[in-house]
Amino acid sequence: MLATPEAFVLALGGIAMLRARQQAFVTAFATNFTLGALVTFMVTISGLDRSLGQRRGSTSQMRQQPSS
């Protein structure tokens, strides 16, 4: 059991979560705010916040000049 590949464990965990995710989608997309729920989901899975944060961090580091 200790030699189980990490990808297999992650896939098995994802399969186990399918029913809970399905119920969450049914609940989220059954209201008046379906577009908001869809946009929130897409931004969450895209990793947009992480890529912007990394980009901002690298540019701000480039712009900083050493203090004398």
PDB file of N, CA and C in Angstrom:
ATOM      1  N   MET A   1       0.820  -1.188   0.000  1.00  0.00           N
ATOM      2  CA  MET A   1       0.000   0.000   0.000  1.00  0.00           C
ATOM      3  C   MET A   1       0.871   1.262   0.000  1.00  0.00           C
ATOM      4  N   LEU A   2       2.042   1.227   0.603  1.00  0.00           N
ATOM      5  CA  LEU A   2       2.908   2.394   0.653  1.00  0.00           C
ATOM      6  C   LEU A   2       3.525   2.704  -0.701  1.00  0.00           C
ATOM      7  N   ALA A   3       3.571   1.719  -1.597  1.00  0.00           N
ATOM      8  CA  ALA A   3       4.170   1.930  -2.907  1.00  0.00           C
ATOM      9  C   ALA A   3       3.155   2.391  -3.940  1.00  0.00           C
ATOM     10  N   THR A   4       1.958   2.744  -3.517  1.00  0.00           N
ATOM     11  CA  THR A   4       0.925   3.211  -4.447  1.00  0.00           C
ATOM     12  C   THR A   4       1.327   4.559  -5.026  1.00  0.00           C
ATOM     13  N   PRO A   5       1.263   4.704  -6.340  1.00  0.00           N
ATOM     14  CA  PRO A   5       1.640   5.984  -6.957  1.00  0.00           C
ATOM     15  C   PRO A   5       0.724   7.126  -6.514  1.00  0.00           C
ATOM     16  N   GLU A   6       1.303   8.292  -6.384  1.00  0.00           N
ATOM     17  CA  GLU A   6       0.552   9.460  -5.933  1.00  0.00           C
ATOM     18  C   GLU A   6      -0.591   9.799  -6.883  1.00  0.00           C
ATOM     19  N   ALA A   7      -0.366   9.673  -8.189  1.00  0.00           N
ATOM     20  CA  ALA A   7      -1.411   9.981  -9.173  1.00  0.00           C
ATOM     21  C   ALA A   7      -2.615   9.068  -8.999  1.00  0.00           C
ATOM     22  N   PHE A   8      -2.382   7.808  -8.656  1.00  0.00           N
ATOM     23  CA  PHE A   8      -3.483   6.867  -8.443  1.00  0.00           C
ATOM     24  C   PHE A   8      -4.300   7.261  -7.220  1.00  0.00           C
ATOM     25  N   VAL A   9      -3.629   7.638  -6.158  1.00  0.00           N
ATOM     26  CA  VAL A   9      -4.323   8.046  -4.936  1.00  0.00           C
ATOM     27  C   VAL A   9      -5.152   9.306  -5.196  1.00  0.00           C
ATOM     28  N   LEU A  10      -4.583  10.262  -5.923  1.00  0.00           N
ATOM     29  CA  LEU A  10      -5.313  11.489  -6.247  1.00  0.00           C
ATOM     30  C   LEU A  10      -6.517  11.204  -7.140  1.00  0.00           C
ATOM     31  N   ALA A  11      -6.357  10.322  -8.114  1.00  0.00           N
ATOM     32  CA  ALA A  11      -7.477   9.965  -8.991  1.00  0.00           C
ATOM     33  C   ALA A  11      -8.571   9.262  -8.207  1.00  0.00           C
ATOM     34  N   LEU A  12      -8.201   8.376  -7.325  1.00  0.00           N
ATOM     35  CA  LEU A  12      -9.176   7.670  -6.499  1.00  0.00           C
ATOM     36  C   LEU A  12      -9.918   8.636  -5.587  1.00  0.00           C
ATOM     37  N   GLY A  13      -9.213   9.601  -5.026  1.00  0.00           N
ATOM     38  CA  GLY A  13      -9.851  10.619  -4.197  1.00  0.00           C
ATOM     39  C   GLY A  13     -10.814  11.475  -5.002  1.00  0.00           C
ATOM     40  N   GLY A  14     -10.442  11.807  -6.225  1.00  0.00           N
ATOM     41  CA  GLY A  14     -11.326  12.577  -7.095  1.00  0.00           C
ATOM     42  C   GLY A  14     -12.584  11.813  -7.448  1.00  0.00           C
ATOM     43  N   ILE A  15     -12.442  10.528  -7.712  1.00  0.00           N
ATOM     44  CA  ILE A  15     -13.612   9.699  -8.007  1.00  0.00           C
ATOM     45  C   ILE A  15     -14.522   9.619  -6.791  1.00  0.00           C
ATOM     46  N   ALA A  16     -13.942   9.512  -5.622  1.00  0.00           N
ATOM     47  CA  ALA A  16     -14.742   9.435  -4.397  1.00  0.00           C
ATOM     48  C   ALA A  16     -15.520  10.715  -4.143  1.00  0.00           C
ATOM     49  N   MET A  17     -15.024  11.839  -4.645  1.00  0.00           N
ATOM     50  CA  MET A  17     -15.682  13.131  -4.430  1.00  0.00           C
ATOM     51  C   MET A  17     -16.721  13.463  -5.494  1.00  0.00           C
ATOM     52  N   LEU A  18     -16.900  12.618  -6.487  1.00  0.00           N
ATOM     53  CA  LEU A  18     -17.792  12.935  -7.593  1.00  0.00           C
ATOM     54  C   LEU A  18     -19.222  13.211  -7.145  1.00  0.00           C
ATOM     55  N   ARG A  19     -19.770  12.383  -6.274  1.00  0.00           N
ATOM     56  CA  ARG A  19     -21.157  12.562  -5.840  1.00  0.00           C
ATOM     57  C   ARG A  19     -21.326  13.873  -5.076  1.00  0.00           C
ATOM     58  N   ALA A  20     -20.375  14.219  -4.231  1.00  0.00           N
ATOM     59  CA  ALA A  20     -20.455  15.481  -3.488  1.00  0.00           C
ATOM     60  C   ALA A  20     -20.347  16.668  -4.432  1.00  0.00           C
ATOM     61  N   ARG A  21     -19.465  16.585  -5.410  1.00  0.00           N
ATOM     62  CA  ARG A  21     -19.326  17.672  -6.386  1.00  0.00           C
ATOM     63  C   ARG A  21     -20.576  17.800  -7.247  1.00  0.00           C
ATOM     64  N   GLN A  22     -21.173  16.667  -7.601  1.00  0.00           N
ATOM     65  CA  GLN A  22     -22.388  16.707  -8.392  1.00  0.00           C
ATOM     66  C   GLN A  22     -23.492  17.432  -7.627  1.00  0.00           C
ATOM     67  N   GLN A  23     -23.648  17.116  -6.363  1.00  0.00           N
ATOM     68  CA  GLN A  23     -24.673  17.767  -5.552  1.00  0.00           C
ATOM     69  C   GLN A  23     -24.376  19.263  -5.397  1.00  0.00           C
ATOM     70  N   ALA A  24     -23.118  19.614  -5.263  1.00  0.00           N
ATOM     71  CA  ALA A  24     -22.745  21.025  -5.160  1.00  0.00           C
ATOM     72  C   ALA A  24     -23.093  21.771  -6.446  1.00  0.00           C
ATOM     73  N   PHE A  25     -22.845  21.156  -7.595  1.00  0.00           N
ATOM     74  CA  PHE A  25     -23.190  21.781  -8.864  1.00  0.00           C
ATOM     75  C   PHE A  25     -24.691  21.938  -9.018  1.00  0.00           C
ATOM     76  N   VAL A  26     -25.440  20.919  -8.654  1.00  0.00           N
ATOM     77  CA  VAL A  26     -26.897  20.998  -8.754  1.00  0.00           C
ATOM     78  C   VAL A  26     -27.412  22.142  -7.892  1.00  0.00           C
ATOM     79  N   THR A  27     -26.876  22.268  -6.686  1.00  0.00           N
ATOM     80  CA  THR A  27     -27.295  23.334  -5.785  1.00  0.00           C
ATOM     81  C   THR A  27     -26.866  24.709  -6.304  1.00  0.00           C
ATOM     82  N   ALA A  28     -25.638  24.820  -6.772  1.00  0.00           N
ATOM     83  CA  ALA A  28     -25.108  26.116  -7.212  1.00  0.00           C
ATOM     84  C   ALA A  28     -25.790  26.618  -8.471  1.00  0.00           C
ATOM     85  N   PHE A  29     -26.092  25.720  -9.378  1.00  0.00           N
ATOM     86  CA  PHE A  29     -26.633  26.143 -10.665  1.00  0.00           C
ATOM     87  C   PHE A  29     -28.153  26.056 -10.734  1.00  0.00           C
ATOM     88  N   ALA A  30     -28.819  25.851  -9.614  1.00  0.00           N
ATOM     89  CA  ALA A  30     -30.281  25.767  -9.610  1.00  0.00           C
ATOM     90  C   ALA A  30     -30.924  27.087  -9.183  1.00  0.00           C
ATOM     91  N   THR A  31     -30.134  28.099  -8.882  1.00  0.00           N
ATOM     92  CA  THR A  31     -30.672  29.362  -8.388  1.00  0.00           C
ATOM     93  C   THR A  31     -30.654  30.429  -9.480  1.00  0.00           C
ATOM     94  N   ASN A  32     -30.925  31.646  -9.079  1.00  0.00           N
ATOM     95  CA  ASN A  32     -30.915  32.772 -10.015  1.00  0.00           C
ATOM     96  C   ASN A  32     -29.510  33.201 -10.396  1.00  0.00           C
ATOM     97  N   PHE A  33     -28.509  32.780  -9.662  1.00  0.00           N
ATOM     98  CA  PHE A  33     -27.144  33.259  -9.859  1.00  0.00           C
ATOM     99  C   PHE A  33     -26.282  32.211 -10.558  1.00  0.00           C
ATOM    100  N   THR A  34     -26.808  31.595 -11.592  1.00  0.00           N
ATOM    101  CA  THR A  34     -26.067  30.532 -12.265  1.00  0.00           C
ATOM    102  C   THR A  34     -24.822  31.050 -12.977  1.00  0.00           C
ATOM    103  N   LEU A  35     -24.887  32.240 -13.581  1.00  0.00           N
ATOM    104  CA  LEU A  35     -23.720  32.780 -14.270  1.00  0.00           C
ATOM    105  C   LEU A  35     -22.602  33.089 -13.277  1.00  0.00           C
ATOM    106  N   GLY A  36     -22.960  33.652 -12.142  1.00  0.00           N
ATOM    107  CA  GLY A  36     -21.959  33.936 -11.111  1.00  0.00           C
ATOM    108  C   GLY A  36     -21.299  32.668 -10.591  1.00  0.00           C
ATOM    109  N   ALA A  37     -22.099  31.625 -10.411  1.00  0.00           N
ATOM    110  CA  ALA A  37     -21.543  30.356  -9.948  1.00  0.00           C
ATOM    111  C   ALA A  37     -20.600  29.767 -10.987  1.00  0.00           C
ATOM    112  N   LEU A  38     -20.961  29.860 -12.255  1.00  0.00           N
ATOM    113  CA  LEU A  38     -20.109  29.340 -13.323  1.00  0.00           C
ATOM    114  C   LEU A  38     -18.805  30.122 -13.425  1.00  0.00           C
ATOM    115  N   VAL A  39     -18.864  31.440 -13.381  1.00  0.00           N
ATOM    116  CA  VAL A  39     -17.659  32.268 -13.468  1.00  0.00           C
ATOM    117  C   VAL A  39     -16.746  32.001 -12.270  1.00  0.00           C
ATOM    118  N   THR A  40     -17.321  31.907 -11.088  1.00  0.00           N
ATOM    119  CA  THR A  40     -16.529  31.620  -9.894  1.00  0.00           C
ATOM    120  C   THR A  40     -15.821  30.283 -10.017  1.00  0.00           C
ATOM    121  N   PHE A  41     -16.534  29.290 -10.503  1.00  0.00           N
ATOM    122  CA  PHE A  41     -15.935  27.962 -10.679  1.00  0.00           C
ATOM    123  C   PHE A  41     -14.796  28.009 -11.694  1.00  0.00           C
ATOM    124  N   MET A  42     -15.012  28.679 -12.824  1.00  0.00           N
ATOM    125  CA  MET A  42     -13.987  28.729 -13.863  1.00  0.00           C
ATOM    126  C   MET A  42     -12.730  29.461 -13.380  1.00  0.00           C
ATOM    127  N   VAL A  43     -12.895  30.548 -12.657  1.00  0.00           N
ATOM    128  CA  VAL A  43     -11.732  31.277 -12.134  1.00  0.00           C
ATOM    129  C   VAL A  43     -11.000  30.418 -11.102  1.00  0.00           C
ATOM    130  N   THR A  44     -11.767  29.688 -10.292  1.00  0.00           N
ATOM    131  CA  THR A  44     -11.145  28.848  -9.271  1.00  0.00           C
ATOM    132  C   THR A  44     -10.300  27.747  -9.881  1.00  0.00           C
ATOM    133  N   ILE A  45     -10.827  27.041 -10.877  1.00  0.00           N
ATOM    134  CA  ILE A  45     -10.060  25.937 -11.446  1.00  0.00           C
ATOM    135  C   ILE A  45      -8.963  26.410 -12.389  1.00  0.00           C
ATOM    136  N   SER A  46      -9.061  27.644 -12.880  1.00  0.00           N
ATOM    137  CA  SER A  46      -8.049  28.126 -13.819  1.00  0.00           C
ATOM    138  C   SER A  46      -6.740  28.479 -13.128  1.00  0.00           C
ATOM    139  N   GLY A  47      -6.786  28.780 -11.832  1.00  0.00           N
ATOM    140  CA  GLY A  47      -5.582  29.199 -11.136  1.00  0.00           C
ATOM    141  C   GLY A  47      -5.214  30.630 -11.468  1.00  0.00           C
ATOM    142  N   LEU A  48      -6.164  31.410 -11.938  1.00  0.00           N
ATOM    143  CA  LEU A  48      -5.912  32.785 -12.358  1.00  0.00           C
ATOM    144  C   LEU A  48      -5.321  33.622 -11.236  1.00  0.00           C
ATOM    145  N   ASP A  49      -5.820  33.475 -10.026  1.00  0.00           N
ATOM    146  CA  ASP A  49      -5.317  34.264  -8.914  1.00  0.00           C
ATOM    147  C   ASP A  49      -3.858  33.944  -8.609  1.00  0.00           C
ATOM    148  N   ARG A  50      -3.471  32.685  -8.756  1.00  0.00           N
ATOM    149  CA  ARG A  50      -2.079  32.312  -8.501  1.00  0.00           C
ATOM    150  C   ARG A  50      -1.160  32.856  -9.580  1.00  0.00           C
ATOM    151  N   SER A  51      -1.561  32.774 -10.832  1.00  0.00           N
ATOM    152  CA  SER A  51      -0.686  33.244 -11.902  1.00  0.00           C
ATOM    153  C   SER A  51      -0.539  34.767 -11.860  1.00  0.00           C
ATOM    154  N   LEU A  52      -1.612  35.484 -11.526  1.00  0.00           N
ATOM    155  CA  LEU A  52      -1.506  36.939 -11.413  1.00  0.00           C
ATOM    156  C   LEU A  52      -0.641  37.333 -10.224  1.00  0.00           C
ATOM    157  N   GLY A  53      -0.782  36.626  -9.121  1.00  0.00           N
ATOM    158  CA  GLY A  53       0.021  36.923  -7.944  1.00  0.00           C
ATOM    159  C   GLY A  53       1.501  36.709  -8.202  1.00  0.00           C
ATOM    160  N   GLN A  54       1.828  35.644  -8.915  1.00  0.00           N
ATOM    161  CA  GLN A  54       3.227  35.381  -9.225  1.00  0.00           C
ATOM    162  C   GLN A  54       3.759  36.420 -10.190  1.00  0.00           C
ATOM    163  N   ARG A  55       2.938  36.802 -11.155  1.00  0.00           N
ATOM    164  CA  ARG A  55       3.374  37.789 -12.132  1.00  0.00           C
ATOM    165  C   ARG A  55       3.578  39.138 -11.467  1.00  0.00           C
ATOM    166  N   ARG A  56       2.648  39.514 -10.589  1.00  0.00           N
ATOM    167  CA  ARG A  56       2.798  40.790  -9.883  1.00  0.00           C
ATOM    168  C   ARG A  56       4.041  40.789  -9.010  1.00  0.00           C
ATOM    169  N   GLY A  57       4.279  39.664  -8.344  1.00  0.00           N
ATOM    170  CA  GLY A  57       5.441  39.583  -7.473  1.00  0.00           C
ATOM    171  C   GLY A  57       6.731  39.725  -8.250  1.00  0.00           C
ATOM    172  N   SER A  58       6.804  39.095  -9.418  1.00  0.00           N
ATOM    173  CA  SER A  58       8.040  39.167 -10.189  1.00  0.00           C
ATOM    174  C   SER A  58       8.249  40.559 -10.769  1.00  0.00           C
ATOM    175  N   THR A  59       7.158  41.236 -11.208  1.00  0.00           N
ATOM    176  CA  THR A  59       7.335  42.576 -11.759  1.00  0.00           C
ATOM    177  C   THR A  59       7.664  43.575 -10.674  1.00  0.00           C
ATOM    178  N   SER A  60       7.049  43.427  -9.518  1.00  0.00           N
ATOM    179  CA  SER A  60       7.354  44.378  -8.458  1.00  0.00           C
ATOM    180  C   SER A  60       8.791  44.202  -7.972  1.00  0.00           C
ATOM    181  N   GLN A  61       9.292  42.983  -8.024  1.00  0.00           N
ATOM    182  CA  GLN A  61      10.682  42.774  -7.632  1.00  0.00           C
ATOM    183  C   GLN A  61      11.619  43.378  -8.662  1.00  0.00           C
ATOM    184  N   MET A  62      11.214  43.343  -9.923  1.00  0.00           N
ATOM    185  CA  MET A  62      12.065  43.898 -10.969  1.00  0.00           C
ATOM    186  C   MET A  62      12.094  45.424 -10.870  1.00  0.00           C
ATOM    187  N   ARG A  63      10.998  46.036 -10.459  1.00  0.00           N
ATOM    188  CA  ARG A  63      10.920  47.482 -10.402  1.00  0.00           C
ATOM    189  C   ARG A  63      11.612  48.064  -9.175  1.00  0.00           C
ATOM    190  N   GLN A  64      11.755  47.285  -8.147  1.00  0.00           N
ATOM    191  CA  GLN A  64      12.371  47.775  -6.932  1.00  0.00           C
ATOM    192  C   GLN A  64      13.858  48.020  -7.181  1.00  0.00           C
ATOM    193  N   GLN A  65      14.306  49.152  -6.711  1.00  0.00           N
ATOM    194  CA  GLN A  65      15.714  49.450  -6.851  1.00  0.00           C
ATOM    195  C   GLN A  65      16.339  49.345  -5.459  1.00  0.00           C
ATOM    196  N   PRO A  66      17.550  48.893  -5.413  1.00  0.00           N
ATOM    197  CA  PRO A  66      18.189  48.739  -4.107  1.00  0.00           C
ATOM    198  C   PRO A  66      18.335  50.087  -3.404  1.00  0.00           C
ATOM    199  N   SER A  67      18.080  50.066  -2.122  1.00  0.00           N
ATOM    200  CA  SER A  67      18.219  51.310  -1.363  1.00  0.00           C
ATOM    201  C   SER A  67      19.674  51.556  -1.059  1.00  0.00           C
ATOM    202  N   SER A  68      20.050  52.818  -1.079  1.00  0.00           N
ATOM    203  CA  SER A  68      21.475  53.129  -0.855  1.00  0.00           C
ATOM    204  C   SER A  68      21.699  53.789   0.496  1.00  0.00           C
TER     205      SER A  68
END
